[in-house]
């Protein structure tokens, strides 16, 4: 009954920026944690960033200082601002949310950093 839909992915040049959005819909009683994961070809899925209800954020070391996660509680939306992108950031980015005491996943959005 909860759906997560990502948007904002695409092709960007190295050094560029991209902003991902994830909107949650359905019957939402509680949101505990929301975050972004990514999976590159041949790699394991990894946590990129997360944000808790209290506003605590966590980032992968590889994106610290470059990515910023934020939320808009009024719209049940989480964002990922990605700056200084490099080819290593190329991956499918998945929105994740611990909503209604369940793990929910979006279908993913492709981010490609290339010249």
PDB file of N, CA and C in Angstrom:
ATOM      1  N   UNK A   1       0.812  -1.214   0.000  1.00  0.00           N
ATOM      2  CA  UNK A   1       0.000   0.000   0.000  1.00  0.00           C
ATOM      3  C   UNK A   1       0.844   1.262   0.000  1.00  0.00           C
ATOM      4  N   UNK A   2       2.126   1.102   0.192  1.00  0.00           N
ATOM      5  CA  UNK A   2       3.047   2.227   0.133  1.00  0.00           C
ATOM      6  C   UNK A   2       3.885   2.099  -1.125  1.00  0.00           C
ATOM      7  N   UNK A   3       3.992   3.179  -1.837  1.00  0.00           N
ATOM      8  CA  UNK A   3       4.786   3.200  -3.055  1.00  0.00           C
ATOM      9  C   UNK A   3       5.841   4.291  -2.969  1.00  0.00           C
ATOM     10  N   UNK A   4       7.012   3.976  -3.477  1.00  0.00           N
ATOM     11  CA  UNK A   4       8.089   4.939  -3.570  1.00  0.00           C
ATOM     12  C   UNK A   4       8.446   5.104  -5.038  1.00  0.00           C
ATOM     13  N   UNK A   5       8.465   6.324  -5.493  1.00  0.00           N
ATOM     14  CA  UNK A   5       8.749   6.614  -6.882  1.00  0.00           C
ATOM     15  C   UNK A   5       9.894   7.600  -6.967  1.00  0.00           C
ATOM     16  N   UNK A   6      10.977   7.172  -7.609  1.00  0.00           N
ATOM     17  CA  UNK A   6      12.133   8.028  -7.778  1.00  0.00           C
ATOM     18  C   UNK A   6      12.034   8.820  -9.074  1.00  0.00           C
ATOM     19  N   UNK A   7      12.697   9.940  -9.087  1.00  0.00           N
ATOM     20  CA  UNK A   7      12.801  10.747 -10.289  1.00  0.00           C
ATOM     21  C   UNK A   7      14.067  11.581 -10.211  1.00  0.00           C
ATOM     22  N   UNK A   8      14.487  12.086 -11.345  1.00  0.00           N
ATOM     23  CA  UNK A   8      15.634  12.974 -11.384  1.00  0.00           C
ATOM     24  C   UNK A   8      16.911  12.360 -11.914  1.00  0.00           C
ATOM     25  N   UNK A   9      16.895  11.074 -12.179  1.00  0.00           N
ATOM     26  CA  UNK A   9      18.078  10.444 -12.719  1.00  0.00           C
ATOM     27  C   UNK A   9      18.307  10.844 -14.160  1.00  0.00           C
ATOM     28  N   UNK A  10      19.487  10.534 -14.646  1.00  0.00           N
ATOM     29  CA  UNK A  10      19.811  10.861 -16.014  1.00  0.00           C
ATOM     30  C   UNK A  10      21.297  10.865 -16.256  1.00  0.00           C
ATOM     31  N   UNK A  11      21.669  11.469 -17.350  1.00  0.00           N
ATOM     32  CA  UNK A  11      23.062  11.563 -17.761  1.00  0.00           C
ATOM     33  C   UNK A  11      23.609  12.932 -17.393  1.00  0.00           C
ATOM     34  N   UNK A  12      24.766  12.933 -16.774  1.00  0.00           N
ATOM     35  CA  UNK A  12      25.401  14.181 -16.376  1.00  0.00           C
ATOM     36  C   UNK A  12      26.907  14.064 -16.598  1.00  0.00           C
ATOM     37  N   UNK A  13      27.532  15.176 -16.894  1.00  0.00           N
ATOM     38  CA  UNK A  13      28.971  15.191 -17.109  1.00  0.00           C
ATOM     39  C   UNK A  13      29.722  15.168 -15.790  1.00  0.00           C
ATOM     40  N   UNK A  14      30.939  14.647 -15.783  1.00  0.00           N
ATOM     41  CA  UNK A  14      31.748  14.688 -14.568  1.00  0.00           C
ATOM     42  C   UNK A  14      31.860  16.104 -14.024  1.00  0.00           C
ATOM     43  N   UNK A  15      31.727  16.218 -12.720  1.00  0.00           N
ATOM     44  CA  UNK A  15      31.748  17.518 -12.082  1.00  0.00           C
ATOM     45  C   UNK A  15      30.394  18.177 -11.988  1.00  0.00           C
ATOM     46  N   UNK A  16      29.422  17.600 -12.641  1.00  0.00           N
ATOM     47  CA  UNK A  16      28.092  18.163 -12.644  1.00  0.00           C
ATOM     48  C   UNK A  16      27.288  17.779 -11.422  1.00  0.00           C
ATOM     49  N   UNK A  17      26.041  18.206 -11.428  1.00  0.00           N
ATOM     50  CA  UNK A  17      25.150  17.974 -10.305  1.00  0.00           C
ATOM     51  C   UNK A  17      23.845  17.367 -10.774  1.00  0.00           C
ATOM     52  N   UNK A  18      23.215  16.683  -9.858  1.00  0.00           N
ATOM     53  CA  UNK A  18      21.932  16.065 -10.125  1.00  0.00           C
ATOM     54  C   UNK A  18      21.162  16.007  -8.816  1.00  0.00           C
ATOM     55  N   UNK A  19      19.871  16.139  -8.916  1.00  0.00           N
ATOM     56  CA  UNK A  19      19.025  16.089  -7.735  1.00  0.00           C
ATOM     57  C   UNK A  19      17.978  14.994  -7.909  1.00  0.00           C
ATOM     58  N   UNK A  20      18.033  14.008  -7.045  1.00  0.00           N
ATOM     59  CA  UNK A  20      17.072  12.922  -7.064  1.00  0.00           C
ATOM     60  C   UNK A  20      15.948  13.191  -6.083  1.00  0.00           C
ATOM     61  N   UNK A  21      14.770  12.763  -6.460  1.00  0.00           N
ATOM     62  CA  UNK A  21      13.612  12.899  -5.596  1.00  0.00           C
ATOM     63  C   UNK A  21      12.951  11.543  -5.425  1.00  0.00           C
ATOM     64  N   UNK A  22      12.370  11.341  -4.281  1.00  0.00           N
ATOM     65  CA  UNK A  22      11.630  10.121  -3.999  1.00  0.00           C
ATOM     66  C   UNK A  22      10.379  10.503  -3.236  1.00  0.00           C
ATOM     67  N   UNK A  23       9.249  10.246  -3.836  1.00  0.00           N
ATOM     68  CA  UNK A  23       7.973  10.575  -3.226  1.00  0.00           C
ATOM     69  C   UNK A  23       7.271   9.310  -2.754  1.00  0.00           C
ATOM     70  N   UNK A  24       6.862   9.313  -1.516  1.00  0.00           N
ATOM     71  CA  UNK A  24       6.122   8.198  -0.943  1.00  0.00           C
ATOM     72  C   UNK A  24       4.634   8.494  -1.003  1.00  0.00           C
ATOM     73  N   UNK A  25       3.874   7.500  -1.377  1.00  0.00           N
ATOM     74  CA  UNK A  25       2.433   7.657  -1.449  1.00  0.00           C
ATOM     75  C   UNK A  25       1.752   6.427  -0.870  1.00  0.00           C
ATOM     76  N   UNK A  26       0.463   6.540  -0.670  1.00  0.00           N
ATOM     77  CA  UNK A  26      -0.296   5.474  -0.058  1.00  0.00           C
ATOM     78  C   UNK A  26      -0.671   5.841   1.365  1.00  0.00           C
ATOM     79  N   UNK A  27      -1.038   4.831   2.118  1.00  0.00           N
ATOM     80  CA  UNK A  27      -1.395   5.046   3.514  1.00  0.00           C
ATOM     81  C   UNK A  27      -0.132   5.043   4.352  1.00  0.00           C
ATOM     82  N   UNK A  28       0.279   6.211   4.746  1.00  0.00           N
ATOM     83  CA  UNK A  28       1.519   6.370   5.500  1.00  0.00           C
ATOM     84  C   UNK A  28       1.182   6.753   6.931  1.00  0.00           C
ATOM     85  N   UNK A  29       1.485   5.857   7.832  1.00  0.00           N
ATOM     86  CA  UNK A  29       1.241   6.111   9.243  1.00  0.00           C
ATOM     87  C   UNK A  29       2.488   6.599   9.954  1.00  0.00           C
ATOM     88  N   UNK A  30       3.618   6.126   9.507  1.00  0.00           N
ATOM     89  CA  UNK A  30       4.865   6.525  10.133  1.00  0.00           C
ATOM     90  C   UNK A  30       6.015   6.308   9.170  1.00  0.00           C
ATOM     91  N   UNK A  31       6.961   7.184   9.237  1.00  0.00           N
ATOM     92  CA  UNK A  31       8.198   7.060   8.483  1.00  0.00           C
ATOM     93  C   UNK A  31       9.342   7.121   9.480  1.00  0.00           C
ATOM     94  N   UNK A  32      10.083   6.054   9.564  1.00  0.00           N
ATOM     95  CA  UNK A  32      11.161   5.980  10.535  1.00  0.00           C
ATOM     96  C   UNK A  32      12.478   6.451   9.940  1.00  0.00           C
ATOM     97  N   UNK A  33      12.797   5.906   8.788  1.00  0.00           N
ATOM     98  CA  UNK A  33      14.036   6.234   8.109  1.00  0.00           C
ATOM     99  C   UNK A  33      13.798   6.229   6.606  1.00  0.00           C
ATOM    100  N   UNK A  34      14.413   7.145   5.927  1.00  0.00           N
ATOM    101  CA  UNK A  34      14.413   7.127   4.475  1.00  0.00           C
ATOM    102  C   UNK A  34      15.840   7.331   3.995  1.00  0.00           C
ATOM    103  N   UNK A  35      16.131   6.748   2.866  1.00  0.00           N
ATOM    104  CA  UNK A  35      17.484   6.868   2.371  1.00  0.00           C
ATOM    105  C   UNK A  35      17.619   6.455   0.930  1.00  0.00           C
ATOM    106  N   UNK A  36      18.844   6.534   0.491  1.00  0.00           N
ATOM    107  CA  UNK A  36      19.190   6.185  -0.873  1.00  0.00           C
ATOM    108  C   UNK A  36      20.275   5.125  -0.881  1.00  0.00           C
ATOM    109  N   UNK A  37      20.082   4.134  -1.700  1.00  0.00           N
ATOM    110  CA  UNK A  37      21.074   3.110  -1.963  1.00  0.00           C
ATOM    111  C   UNK A  37      21.418   3.158  -3.440  1.00  0.00           C
ATOM    112  N   UNK A  38      22.542   2.588  -3.770  1.00  0.00           N
ATOM    113  CA  UNK A  38      22.904   2.507  -5.172  1.00  0.00           C
ATOM    114  C   UNK A  38      23.604   1.192  -5.453  1.00  0.00           C
ATOM    115  N   UNK A  39      23.508   0.771  -6.686  1.00  0.00           N
ATOM    116  CA  UNK A  39      24.146  -0.455  -7.115  1.00  0.00           C
ATOM    117  C   UNK A  39      24.711  -0.254  -8.513  1.00  0.00           C
ATOM    118  N   UNK A  40      26.004  -0.370  -8.604  1.00  0.00           N
ATOM    119  CA  UNK A  40      26.691  -0.276  -9.877  1.00  0.00           C
ATOM    120  C   UNK A  40      26.899  -1.677 -10.437  1.00  0.00           C
ATOM    121  N   UNK A  41      27.075  -1.786 -11.743  1.00  0.00           N
ATOM    122  CA  UNK A  41      27.306  -3.100 -12.343  1.00  0.00           C
ATOM    123  C   UNK A  41      28.482  -3.821 -11.699  1.00  0.00           C
ATOM    124  N   UNK A  42      28.259  -5.061 -11.298  1.00  0.00           N
ATOM    125  CA  UNK A  42      29.305  -5.842 -10.678  1.00  0.00           C
ATOM    126  C   UNK A  42      29.604  -5.490  -9.239  1.00  0.00           C
ATOM    127  N   UNK A  43      28.823  -4.599  -8.670  1.00  0.00           N
ATOM    128  CA  UNK A  43      29.040  -4.167  -7.295  1.00  0.00           C
ATOM    129  C   UNK A  43      27.843  -4.523  -6.426  1.00  0.00           C
ATOM    130  N   UNK A  44      28.096  -4.578  -5.134  1.00  0.00           N
ATOM    131  CA  UNK A  44      27.015  -4.802  -4.187  1.00  0.00           C
ATOM    132  C   UNK A  44      26.246  -3.508  -3.956  1.00  0.00           C
ATOM    133  N   UNK A  45      24.994  -3.659  -3.602  1.00  0.00           N
ATOM    134  CA  UNK A  45      24.207  -2.497  -3.265  1.00  0.00           C
ATOM    135  C   UNK A  45      24.743  -1.886  -1.974  1.00  0.00           C
ATOM    136  N   UNK A  46      24.877  -0.583  -1.969  1.00  0.00           N
ATOM    137  CA  UNK A  46      25.436   0.101  -0.821  1.00  0.00           C
ATOM    138  C   UNK A  46      24.575   1.282  -0.417  1.00  0.00           C
ATOM    139  N   UNK A  47      24.631   1.575   0.856  1.00  0.00           N
ATOM    140  CA  UNK A  47      23.944   2.751   1.372  1.00  0.00           C
ATOM    141  C   UNK A  47      24.693   3.994   0.940  1.00  0.00           C
ATOM    142  N   UNK A  48      23.966   4.929   0.378  1.00  0.00           N
ATOM    143  CA  UNK A  48      24.539   6.206  -0.013  1.00  0.00           C
ATOM    144  C   UNK A  48      24.315   7.239   1.080  1.00  0.00           C
ATOM    145  N   UNK A  49      23.080   7.365   1.505  1.00  0.00           N
ATOM    146  CA  UNK A  49      22.733   8.326   2.537  1.00  0.00           C
ATOM    147  C   UNK A  49      21.388   7.960   3.134  1.00  0.00           C
ATOM    148  N   UNK A  50      21.198   8.328   4.374  1.00  0.00           N
ATOM    149  CA  UNK A  50      19.930   8.089   5.039  1.00  0.00           C
ATOM    150  C   UNK A  50      19.634   9.236   5.987  1.00  0.00           C
ATOM    151  N   UNK A  51      18.374   9.368   6.308  1.00  0.00           N
ATOM    152  CA  UNK A  51      17.955  10.405   7.242  1.00  0.00           C
ATOM    153  C   UNK A  51      16.836   9.843   8.104  1.00  0.00           C
ATOM    154  N   UNK A  52      16.958  10.036   9.399  1.00  0.00           N
ATOM    155  CA  UNK A  52      15.982   9.521  10.339  1.00  0.00           C
ATOM    156  C   UNK A  52      14.916  10.561  10.632  1.00  0.00           C
ATOM    157  N   UNK A  53      13.927  10.133  11.398  1.00  0.00           N
ATOM    158  CA  UNK A  53      12.858  11.040  11.788  1.00  0.00           C
ATOM    159  C   UNK A  53      13.394  12.235  12.569  1.00  0.00           C
ATOM    160  N   UNK A  54      14.393  11.985  13.372  1.00  0.00           N
ATOM    161  CA  UNK A  54      14.971  13.048  14.176  1.00  0.00           C
ATOM    162  C   UNK A  54      15.904  13.955  13.390  1.00  0.00           C
ATOM    163  N   UNK A  55      16.163  13.597  12.147  1.00  0.00           N
ATOM    164  CA  UNK A  55      17.024  14.409  11.319  1.00  0.00           C
ATOM    165  C   UNK A  55      18.459  13.949  11.262  1.00  0.00           C
ATOM    166  N   UNK A  56      18.763  12.866  11.920  1.00  0.00           N
ATOM    167  CA  UNK A  56      20.113  12.326  11.860  1.00  0.00           C
ATOM    168  C   UNK A  56      20.405  11.812  10.465  1.00  0.00           C
ATOM    169  N   UNK A  57      21.556  12.156   9.952  1.00  0.00           N
ATOM    170  CA  UNK A  57      21.953  11.734   8.615  1.00  0.00           C
ATOM    171  C   UNK A  57      23.186  10.867   8.668  1.00  0.00           C
ATOM    172  N   UNK A  58      23.271  10.009   7.695  1.00  0.00           N
ATOM    173  CA  UNK A  58      24.424   9.134   7.564  1.00  0.00           C
ATOM    174  C   UNK A  58      24.796   9.067   6.096  1.00  0.00           C
ATOM    175  N   UNK A  59      26.090   9.087   5.823  1.00  0.00           N
ATOM    176  CA  UNK A  59      26.570   9.074   4.457  1.00  0.00           C
ATOM    177  C   UNK A  59      27.672   8.049   4.282  1.00  0.00           C
ATOM    178  N   UNK A  60      27.712   7.498   3.093  1.00  0.00           N
ATOM    179  CA  UNK A  60      28.859   6.680   2.741  1.00  0.00           C
ATOM    180  C   UNK A  60      30.092   7.576   2.653  1.00  0.00           C
ATOM    181  N   UNK A  61      31.228   7.034   3.033  1.00  0.00           N
ATOM    182  CA  UNK A  61      32.452   7.827   3.000  1.00  0.00           C
ATOM    183  C   UNK A  61      32.732   8.391   1.611  1.00  0.00           C
ATOM    184  N   UNK A  62      32.362   7.647   0.602  1.00  0.00           N
ATOM    185  CA  UNK A  62      32.667   8.046  -0.757  1.00  0.00           C
ATOM    186  C   UNK A  62      31.874   9.265  -1.230  1.00  0.00           C
ATOM    187  N   UNK A  63      30.812   9.608  -0.522  1.00  0.00           N
ATOM    188  CA  UNK A  63      29.983  10.730  -0.954  1.00  0.00           C
ATOM    189  C   UNK A  63      29.957  11.876   0.045  1.00  0.00           C
ATOM    190  N   UNK A  64      30.608  11.718   1.168  1.00  0.00           N
ATOM    191  CA  UNK A  64      30.621  12.776   2.168  1.00  0.00           C
ATOM    192  C   UNK A  64      31.218  14.053   1.591  1.00  0.00           C
ATOM    193  N   UNK A  65      30.531  15.138   1.843  1.00  0.00           N
ATOM    194  CA  UNK A  65      30.975  16.415   1.335  1.00  0.00           C
ATOM    195  C   UNK A  65      30.479  16.733  -0.054  1.00  0.00           C
ATOM    196  N   UNK A  66      29.943  15.747  -0.739  1.00  0.00           N
ATOM    197  CA  UNK A  66      29.449  15.952  -2.096  1.00  0.00           C
ATOM    198  C   UNK A  66      27.934  15.798  -2.200  1.00  0.00           C
ATOM    199  N   UNK A  67      27.394  14.866  -1.442  1.00  0.00           N
ATOM    200  CA  UNK A  67      25.960  14.587  -1.486  1.00  0.00           C
ATOM    201  C   UNK A  67      25.289  15.115  -0.225  1.00  0.00           C
ATOM    202  N   UNK A  68      24.054  15.524  -0.384  1.00  0.00           N
ATOM    203  CA  UNK A  68      23.268  15.977   0.747  1.00  0.00           C
ATOM    204  C   UNK A  68      21.876  15.375   0.667  1.00  0.00           C
ATOM    205  N   UNK A  69      21.472  14.721   1.731  1.00  0.00           N
ATOM    206  CA  UNK A  69      20.133  14.166   1.791  1.00  0.00           C
ATOM    207  C   UNK A  69      19.246  15.112   2.593  1.00  0.00           C
ATOM    208  N   UNK A  70      18.034  15.264   2.149  1.00  0.00           N
ATOM    209  CA  UNK A  70      17.082  16.124   2.834  1.00  0.00           C
ATOM    210  C   UNK A  70      15.684  15.546   2.679  1.00  0.00           C
ATOM    211  N   UNK A  71      14.762  16.118   3.394  1.00  0.00           N
ATOM    212  CA  UNK A  71      13.398  15.613   3.357  1.00  0.00           C
ATOM    213  C   UNK A  71      12.400  16.753   3.399  1.00  0.00           C
ATOM    214  N   UNK A  72      11.243  16.486   2.872  1.00  0.00           N
ATOM    215  CA  UNK A  72      10.113  17.390   2.948  1.00  0.00           C
ATOM    216  C   UNK A  72       8.967  16.573   3.518  1.00  0.00           C
ATOM    217  N   UNK A  73       8.794  16.667   4.808  1.00  0.00           N
ATOM    218  CA  UNK A  73       7.799  15.841   5.477  1.00  0.00           C
ATOM    219  C   UNK A  73       6.374  16.128   5.002  1.00  0.00           C
ATOM    220  N   UNK A  74       6.119  17.366   4.634  1.00  0.00           N
ATOM    221  CA  UNK A  74       4.784  17.722   4.180  1.00  0.00           C
ATOM    222  C   UNK A  74       4.405  17.000   2.895  1.00  0.00           C
ATOM    223  N   UNK A  75       5.402  16.673   2.105  1.00  0.00           N
ATOM    224  CA  UNK A  75       5.150  15.988   0.840  1.00  0.00           C
ATOM    225  C   UNK A  75       5.635  14.544   0.854  1.00  0.00           C
ATOM    226  N   UNK A  76       6.059  14.061   2.018  1.00  0.00           N
ATOM    227  CA  UNK A  76       6.579  12.699   2.136  1.00  0.00           C
ATOM    228  C   UNK A  76       7.616  12.413   1.059  1.00  0.00           C
ATOM    229  N   UNK A  77       8.526  13.332   0.936  1.00  0.00           N
ATOM    230  CA  UNK A  77       9.521  13.255  -0.114  1.00  0.00           C
ATOM    231  C   UNK A  77      10.920  13.394   0.458  1.00  0.00           C
ATOM    232  N   UNK A  78      11.814  12.608  -0.073  1.00  0.00           N
ATOM    233  CA  UNK A  78      13.213  12.697   0.297  1.00  0.00           C
ATOM    234  C   UNK A  78      14.011  13.028  -0.954  1.00  0.00           C
ATOM    235  N   UNK A  79      15.057  13.821  -0.777  1.00  0.00           N
ATOM    236  CA  UNK A  79      15.871  14.266  -1.888  1.00  0.00           C
ATOM    237  C   UNK A  79      17.323  13.855  -1.673  1.00  0.00           C
ATOM    238  N   UNK A  80      18.016  13.772  -2.762  1.00  0.00           N
ATOM    239  CA  UNK A  80      19.451  13.564  -2.719  1.00  0.00           C
ATOM    240  C   UNK A  80      20.088  14.528  -3.703  1.00  0.00           C
ATOM    241  N   UNK A  81      20.724  15.549  -3.163  1.00  0.00           N
ATOM    242  CA  UNK A  81      21.457  16.496  -3.982  1.00  0.00           C
ATOM    243  C   UNK A  81      22.866  15.965  -4.180  1.00  0.00           C
ATOM    244  N   UNK A  82      23.247  15.755  -5.412  1.00  0.00           N
ATOM    245  CA  UNK A  82      24.534  15.181  -5.739  1.00  0.00           C
ATOM    246  C   UNK A  82      25.358  16.202  -6.501  1.00  0.00           C
ATOM    247  N   UNK A  83      26.466  16.583  -5.918  1.00  0.00           N
ATOM    248  CA  UNK A  83      27.372  17.536  -6.529  1.00  0.00           C
ATOM    249  C   UNK A  83      28.716  16.879  -6.803  1.00  0.00           C
ATOM    250  N   UNK A  84      29.483  17.525  -7.645  1.00  0.00           N
ATOM    251  CA  UNK A  84      30.820  17.035  -7.985  1.00  0.00           C
ATOM    252  C   UNK A  84      30.800  15.566  -8.377  1.00  0.00           C
ATOM    253  N   UNK A  85      29.880  15.234  -9.224  1.00  0.00           N
ATOM    254  CA  UNK A  85      29.721  13.844  -9.629  1.00  0.00           C
ATOM    255  C   UNK A  85      30.914  13.357 -10.447  1.00  0.00           C
ATOM    256  N   UNK A  86      31.235  12.111 -10.254  1.00  0.00           N
ATOM    257  CA  UNK A  86      32.299  11.478 -11.013  1.00  0.00           C
ATOM    258  C   UNK A  86      31.802  10.135 -11.534  1.00  0.00           C
ATOM    259  N   UNK A  87      32.526   9.533 -12.457  1.00  0.00           N
ATOM    260  CA  UNK A  87      32.062   8.266 -13.037  1.00  0.00           C
ATOM    261  C   UNK A  87      31.828   7.166 -12.011  1.00  0.00           C
ATOM    262  N   UNK A  88      32.505   7.229 -10.875  1.00  0.00           N
ATOM    263  CA  UNK A  88      32.302   6.232  -9.830  1.00  0.00           C
ATOM    264  C   UNK A  88      30.901   6.284  -9.242  1.00  0.00           C
ATOM    265  N   UNK A  89      30.209   7.377  -9.463  1.00  0.00           N
ATOM    266  CA  UNK A  89      28.853   7.521  -8.953  1.00  0.00           C
ATOM    267  C   UNK A  89      27.814   6.892  -9.874  1.00  0.00           C
ATOM    268  N   UNK A  90      28.237   6.428 -11.023  1.00  0.00           N
ATOM    269  CA  UNK A  90      27.312   5.810 -11.957  1.00  0.00           C
ATOM    270  C   UNK A  90      26.720   4.545 -11.346  1.00  0.00           C
ATOM    271  N   UNK A  91      25.412   4.492 -11.286  1.00  0.00           N
ATOM    272  CA  UNK A  91      24.726   3.364 -10.670  1.00  0.00           C
ATOM    273  C   UNK A  91      23.229   3.561 -10.800  1.00  0.00           C
ATOM    274  N   UNK A  92      22.508   2.522 -10.451  1.00  0.00           N
ATOM    275  CA  UNK A  92      21.075   2.653 -10.257  1.00  0.00           C
ATOM    276  C   UNK A  92      20.854   3.048  -8.810  1.00  0.00           C
ATOM    277  N   UNK A  93      20.142   4.123  -8.616  1.00  0.00           N
ATOM    278  CA  UNK A  93      19.885   4.632  -7.284  1.00  0.00           C
ATOM    279  C   UNK A  93      18.475   4.252  -6.851  1.00  0.00           C
ATOM    280  N   UNK A  94      18.394   3.647  -5.679  1.00  0.00           N
ATOM    281  CA  UNK A  94      17.136   3.172  -5.157  1.00  0.00           C
ATOM    282  C   UNK A  94      16.740   3.953  -3.920  1.00  0.00           C
ATOM    283  N   UNK A  95      15.509   4.356  -3.899  1.00  0.00           N
ATOM    284  CA  UNK A  95      14.959   4.979  -2.715  1.00  0.00           C
ATOM    285  C   UNK A  95      14.497   3.891  -1.756  1.00  0.00           C
ATOM    286  N   UNK A  96      14.781   4.091  -0.499  1.00  0.00           N
ATOM    287  CA  UNK A  96      14.372   3.150   0.532  1.00  0.00           C
ATOM    288  C   UNK A  96      13.694   3.901   1.670  1.00  0.00           C
ATOM    289  N   UNK A  97      12.688   3.268   2.221  1.00  0.00           N
ATOM    290  CA  UNK A  97      12.025   3.868   3.357  1.00  0.00           C
ATOM    291  C   UNK A  97      11.515   2.829   4.323  1.00  0.00           C
ATOM    292  N   UNK A  98      11.785   3.061   5.595  1.00  0.00           N
ATOM    293  CA  UNK A  98      11.196   2.233   6.647  1.00  0.00           C
ATOM    294  C   UNK A  98       9.889   2.928   7.007  1.00  0.00           C
ATOM    295  N   UNK A  99       8.815   2.459   6.395  1.00  0.00           N
ATOM    296  CA  UNK A  99       7.515   3.088   6.493  1.00  0.00           C
ATOM    297  C   UNK A  99       6.503   2.074   6.991  1.00  0.00           C
ATOM    298  N   UNK A 100       5.742   2.473   7.970  1.00  0.00           N
ATOM    299  CA  UNK A 100       4.751   1.577   8.584  1.00  0.00           C
ATOM    300  C   UNK A 100       5.411   0.291   9.081  1.00  0.00           C
ATOM    301  N   UNK A 101       6.601   0.428   9.596  1.00  0.00           N
ATOM    302  CA  UNK A 101       7.376  -0.678  10.160  1.00  0.00           C
ATOM    303  C   UNK A 101       7.769  -1.712   9.115  1.00  0.00           C
ATOM    304  N   UNK A 102       7.791  -1.305   7.861  1.00  0.00           N
ATOM    305  CA  UNK A 102       8.192  -2.185   6.779  1.00  0.00           C
ATOM    306  C   UNK A 102       9.226  -1.501   5.898  1.00  0.00           C
ATOM    307  N   UNK A 103      10.033  -2.313   5.267  1.00  0.00           N
ATOM    308  CA  UNK A 103      10.984  -1.806   4.293  1.00  0.00           C
ATOM    309  C   UNK A 103      10.297  -1.662   2.946  1.00  0.00           C
ATOM    310  N   UNK A 104      10.420  -0.494   2.380  1.00  0.00           N
ATOM    311  CA  UNK A 104       9.846  -0.208   1.075  1.00  0.00           C
ATOM    312  C   UNK A 104      10.943   0.258   0.132  1.00  0.00           C
ATOM    313  N   UNK A 105      10.837  -0.186  -1.095  1.00  0.00           N
ATOM    314  CA  UNK A 105      11.843   0.141  -2.100  1.00  0.00           C
ATOM    315  C   UNK A 105      11.214   0.704  -3.353  1.00  0.00           C
ATOM    316  N   UNK A 106      11.871   1.690  -3.911  1.00  0.00           N
ATOM    317  CA  UNK A 106      11.490   2.170  -5.214  1.00  0.00           C
ATOM    318  C   UNK A 106      12.070   1.272  -6.281  1.00  0.00           C
ATOM    319  N   UNK A 107      11.703   1.526  -7.508  1.00  0.00           N
ATOM    320  CA  UNK A 107      12.183   0.701  -8.609  1.00  0.00           C
ATOM    321  C   UNK A 107      13.554   1.118  -9.114  1.00  0.00           C
ATOM    322  N   UNK A 108      14.008   2.257  -8.699  1.00  0.00           N
ATOM    323  CA  UNK A 108      15.337   2.710  -9.056  1.00  0.00           C
ATOM    324  C   UNK A 108      15.334   3.708 -10.196  1.00  0.00           C
ATOM    325  N   UNK A 109      16.352   4.529 -10.207  1.00  0.00           N
ATOM    326  CA  UNK A 109      16.554   5.484 -11.282  1.00  0.00           C
ATOM    327  C   UNK A 109      18.029   5.483 -11.660  1.00  0.00           C
ATOM    328  N   UNK A 110      18.285   5.471 -12.946  1.00  0.00           N
ATOM    329  CA  UNK A 110      19.655   5.375 -13.440  1.00  0.00           C
ATOM    330  C   UNK A 110      20.346   6.728 -13.394  1.00  0.00           C
ATOM    331  N   UNK A 111      21.536   6.728 -12.840  1.00  0.00           N
ATOM    332  CA  UNK A 111      22.403   7.899 -12.855  1.00  0.00           C
ATOM    333  C   UNK A 111      23.678   7.516 -13.584  1.00  0.00           C
ATOM    334  N   UNK A 112      23.966   8.226 -14.641  1.00  0.00           N
ATOM    335  CA  UNK A 112      25.160   7.963 -15.426  1.00  0.00           C
ATOM    336  C   UNK A 112      26.001   9.221 -15.495  1.00  0.00           C
ATOM    337  N   UNK A 113      27.238   9.109 -15.065  1.00  0.00           N
ATOM    338  CA  UNK A 113      28.170  10.227 -15.089  1.00  0.00           C
ATOM    339  C   UNK A 113      29.225   9.917 -16.140  1.00  0.00           C
ATOM    340  N   UNK A 114      29.178  10.643 -17.216  1.00  0.00           N
ATOM    341  CA  UNK A 114      30.062  10.362 -18.336  1.00  0.00           C
ATOM    342  C   UNK A 114      30.197  11.587 -19.215  1.00  0.00           C
ATOM    343  N   UNK A 115      31.334  11.661 -19.904  1.00  0.00           N
ATOM    344  CA  UNK A 115      31.543  12.717 -20.871  1.00  0.00           C
ATOM    345  C   UNK A 115      30.943  12.367 -22.219  1.00  0.00           C
TER     346      UNK A 115
END
